[in-house]
Amino acid sequence: MEKLEQRALWMAIFLITSMIIGIAGGVLCWLAGAHPATAIVAGASGFAAAILLFLAVAHFLSRAQS
């Protein structure tokens, strides 16, 4: 598998995992009794934090292989 195909596969995994984390965070916040807008912001924050962490780790590991 070429490096570009591997990157696309990893990016898909990162996005799907981050979406699951964001959805779970938003739903848990909403179930705790928060206003729907607050739950959306909580879910979006969870998604953003997860995707940034995944991309930072991927960047770190790509530098380690070079």
N, C-alpha and C. Protein backbone atom coordinates (compact mmCIF):
# COMPACT_ATOMS: atom_id res chain seq x y z
N MET A 1 0.84 -1.17 0.00
CA MET A 1 0.00 0.00 0.00
C MET A 1 0.89 1.24 0.00
N GLU A 2 0.54 2.20 -0.81
CA GLU A 2 1.35 3.41 -0.89
C GLU A 2 1.13 4.28 0.34
N LYS A 3 2.07 5.18 0.53
CA LYS A 3 2.01 6.05 1.70
C LYS A 3 0.77 6.94 1.69
N LEU A 4 0.36 7.42 0.51
CA LEU A 4 -0.83 8.26 0.41
C LEU A 4 -2.09 7.48 0.78
N GLU A 5 -2.17 6.22 0.35
CA GLU A 5 -3.32 5.39 0.70
C GLU A 5 -3.36 5.11 2.20
N GLN A 6 -2.19 4.91 2.79
CA GLN A 6 -2.13 4.70 4.23
C GLN A 6 -2.58 5.93 4.98
N ARG A 7 -2.16 7.10 4.52
CA ARG A 7 -2.57 8.34 5.17
C ARG A 7 -4.07 8.55 5.07
N ALA A 8 -4.65 8.24 3.92
CA ALA A 8 -6.09 8.38 3.76
C ALA A 8 -6.84 7.43 4.69
N LEU A 9 -6.35 6.22 4.82
CA LEU A 9 -6.97 5.25 5.72
C LEU A 9 -6.89 5.72 7.17
N TRP A 10 -5.72 6.18 7.58
CA TRP A 10 -5.57 6.67 8.96
C TRP A 10 -6.42 7.90 9.21
N MET A 11 -6.53 8.78 8.22
CA MET A 11 -7.36 9.97 8.38
C MET A 11 -8.82 9.58 8.54
N ALA A 12 -9.27 8.58 7.80
CA ALA A 12 -10.65 8.10 7.94
C ALA A 12 -10.88 7.53 9.34
N ILE A 13 -9.92 6.78 9.84
CA ILE A 13 -10.03 6.22 11.19
C ILE A 13 -10.07 7.34 12.22
N PHE A 14 -9.21 8.35 12.06
CA PHE A 14 -9.19 9.49 12.98
C PHE A 14 -10.53 10.21 12.98
N LEU A 15 -11.09 10.46 11.80
CA LEU A 15 -12.35 11.20 11.70
C LEU A 15 -13.51 10.41 12.30
N ILE A 16 -13.58 9.13 12.01
CA ILE A 16 -14.68 8.31 12.55
C ILE A 16 -14.58 8.23 14.07
N THR A 17 -13.39 8.02 14.59
CA THR A 17 -13.21 7.94 16.03
C THR A 17 -13.53 9.27 16.70
N SER A 18 -13.10 10.36 16.09
CA SER A 18 -13.39 11.68 16.65
C SER A 18 -14.88 11.98 16.61
N MET A 19 -15.57 11.55 15.55
CA MET A 19 -17.01 11.76 15.49
C MET A 19 -17.72 10.98 16.60
N ILE A 20 -17.28 9.76 16.85
CA ILE A 20 -17.88 8.97 17.92
C ILE A 20 -17.65 9.65 19.27
N ILE A 21 -16.46 10.15 19.49
CA ILE A 21 -16.15 10.84 20.74
C ILE A 21 -17.01 12.10 20.87
N GLY A 22 -17.13 12.87 19.79
CA GLY A 22 -17.94 14.09 19.82
C GLY A 22 -19.41 13.81 20.07
N ILE A 23 -19.94 12.80 19.39
CA ILE A 23 -21.35 12.44 19.58
C ILE A 23 -21.58 11.96 21.01
N ALA A 24 -20.69 11.14 21.51
CA ALA A 24 -20.84 10.64 22.89
C ALA A 24 -20.79 11.79 23.89
N GLY A 25 -19.87 12.72 23.69
CA GLY A 25 -19.78 13.86 24.60
C GLY A 25 -21.03 14.73 24.56
N GLY A 26 -21.54 14.99 23.38
CA GLY A 26 -22.75 15.79 23.25
C GLY A 26 -23.96 15.11 23.85
N VAL A 27 -24.12 13.83 23.60
CA VAL A 27 -25.27 13.09 24.14
C VAL A 27 -25.19 13.00 25.66
N LEU A 28 -24.01 12.73 26.19
CA LEU A 28 -23.87 12.67 27.65
C LEU A 28 -24.16 14.01 28.30
N CYS A 29 -23.72 15.08 27.68
CA CYS A 29 -24.00 16.42 28.20
C CYS A 29 -25.49 16.71 28.16
N TRP A 30 -26.15 16.33 27.07
CA TRP A 30 -27.58 16.56 26.94
C TRP A 30 -28.37 15.72 27.95
N LEU A 31 -27.95 14.46 28.13
CA LEU A 31 -28.62 13.59 29.10
C LEU A 31 -28.43 14.08 30.54
N ALA A 32 -27.36 14.83 30.77
CA ALA A 32 -27.12 15.38 32.11
C ALA A 32 -28.00 16.58 32.39
N GLY A 33 -28.77 17.02 31.38
CA GLY A 33 -29.72 18.11 31.60
C GLY A 33 -29.28 19.44 31.04
N ALA A 34 -28.22 19.47 30.26
CA ALA A 34 -27.76 20.73 29.69
C ALA A 34 -28.67 21.18 28.55
N HIS A 35 -28.63 22.45 28.26
CA HIS A 35 -29.36 23.02 27.14
C HIS A 35 -28.81 22.40 25.84
N PRO A 36 -29.66 22.17 24.83
CA PRO A 36 -29.18 21.53 23.60
C PRO A 36 -27.99 22.26 22.95
N ALA A 37 -27.99 23.59 22.99
CA ALA A 37 -26.86 24.32 22.41
C ALA A 37 -25.56 24.04 23.17
N THR A 38 -25.67 23.93 24.46
CA THR A 38 -24.49 23.61 25.27
C THR A 38 -23.99 22.21 24.97
N ALA A 39 -24.92 21.29 24.76
CA ALA A 39 -24.53 19.91 24.42
C ALA A 39 -23.83 19.87 23.06
N ILE A 40 -24.30 20.68 22.11
CA ILE A 40 -23.65 20.73 20.79
C ILE A 40 -22.23 21.26 20.91
N VAL A 41 -22.06 22.30 21.71
CA VAL A 41 -20.72 22.87 21.91
C VAL A 41 -19.81 21.86 22.61
N ALA A 42 -20.34 21.13 23.56
CA ALA A 42 -19.54 20.10 24.25
C ALA A 42 -19.12 19.00 23.28
N GLY A 43 -20.05 18.57 22.42
CA GLY A 43 -19.70 17.54 21.44
C GLY A 43 -18.68 18.04 20.43
N ALA A 44 -18.85 19.28 19.99
CA ALA A 44 -17.89 19.85 19.04
C ALA A 44 -16.51 20.01 19.67
N SER A 45 -16.49 20.35 20.94
CA SER A 45 -15.20 20.47 21.65
C SER A 45 -14.52 19.12 21.78
N GLY A 46 -15.30 18.09 22.06
CA GLY A 46 -14.73 16.74 22.14
C GLY A 46 -14.18 16.29 20.80
N PHE A 47 -14.92 16.57 19.72
CA PHE A 47 -14.46 16.22 18.38
C PHE A 47 -13.16 16.95 18.05
N ALA A 48 -13.13 18.25 18.30
CA ALA A 48 -11.95 19.05 17.97
C ALA A 48 -10.73 18.60 18.77
N ALA A 49 -10.93 18.34 20.05
CA ALA A 49 -9.81 17.90 20.89
C ALA A 49 -9.28 16.55 20.43
N ALA A 50 -10.18 15.64 20.10
CA ALA A 50 -9.75 14.31 19.67
C ALA A 50 -9.00 14.36 18.35
N ILE A 51 -9.53 15.10 17.37
CA ILE A 51 -8.88 15.14 16.06
C ILE A 51 -7.52 15.84 16.15
N LEU A 52 -7.43 16.88 16.97
CA LEU A 52 -6.13 17.54 17.14
C LEU A 52 -5.11 16.63 17.81
N LEU A 53 -5.56 15.87 18.81
CA LEU A 53 -4.66 14.93 19.47
C LEU A 53 -4.20 13.84 18.50
N PHE A 54 -5.13 13.28 17.72
CA PHE A 54 -4.77 12.24 16.76
C PHE A 54 -3.78 12.76 15.72
N LEU A 55 -4.03 13.95 15.21
CA LEU A 55 -3.13 14.51 14.19
C LEU A 55 -1.76 14.84 14.77
N ALA A 56 -1.72 15.30 16.01
CA ALA A 56 -0.44 15.59 16.65
C ALA A 56 0.37 14.31 16.85
N VAL A 57 -0.30 13.25 17.28
CA VAL A 57 0.40 11.97 17.46
C VAL A 57 0.87 11.43 16.12
N ALA A 58 0.04 11.54 15.09
CA ALA A 58 0.43 11.06 13.76
C ALA A 58 1.63 11.84 13.24
N HIS A 59 1.65 13.15 13.46
CA HIS A 59 2.78 13.96 13.03
C HIS A 59 4.04 13.57 13.79
N PHE A 60 3.91 13.36 15.09
CA PHE A 60 5.06 12.95 15.90
C PHE A 60 5.61 11.61 15.42
N LEU A 61 4.71 10.65 15.16
CA LEU A 61 5.17 9.33 14.73
C LEU A 61 5.77 9.35 13.34
N SER A 62 5.26 10.21 12.46
CA SER A 62 5.83 10.29 11.10
C SER A 62 7.24 10.87 11.15
N ARG A 63 7.49 11.78 12.09
CA ARG A 63 8.84 12.33 12.24
C ARG A 63 9.78 11.29 12.83
N ALA A 64 9.27 10.39 13.64
CA ALA A 64 10.11 9.38 14.28
C ALA A 64 10.57 8.33 13.27
N GLN A 65 9.77 8.10 12.21
CA GLN A 65 10.12 7.09 11.21
C GLN A 65 11.16 7.62 10.22
N SER A 66 11.25 8.93 10.06
CA SER A 66 12.17 9.50 9.06
C SER A 66 13.61 9.37 9.46
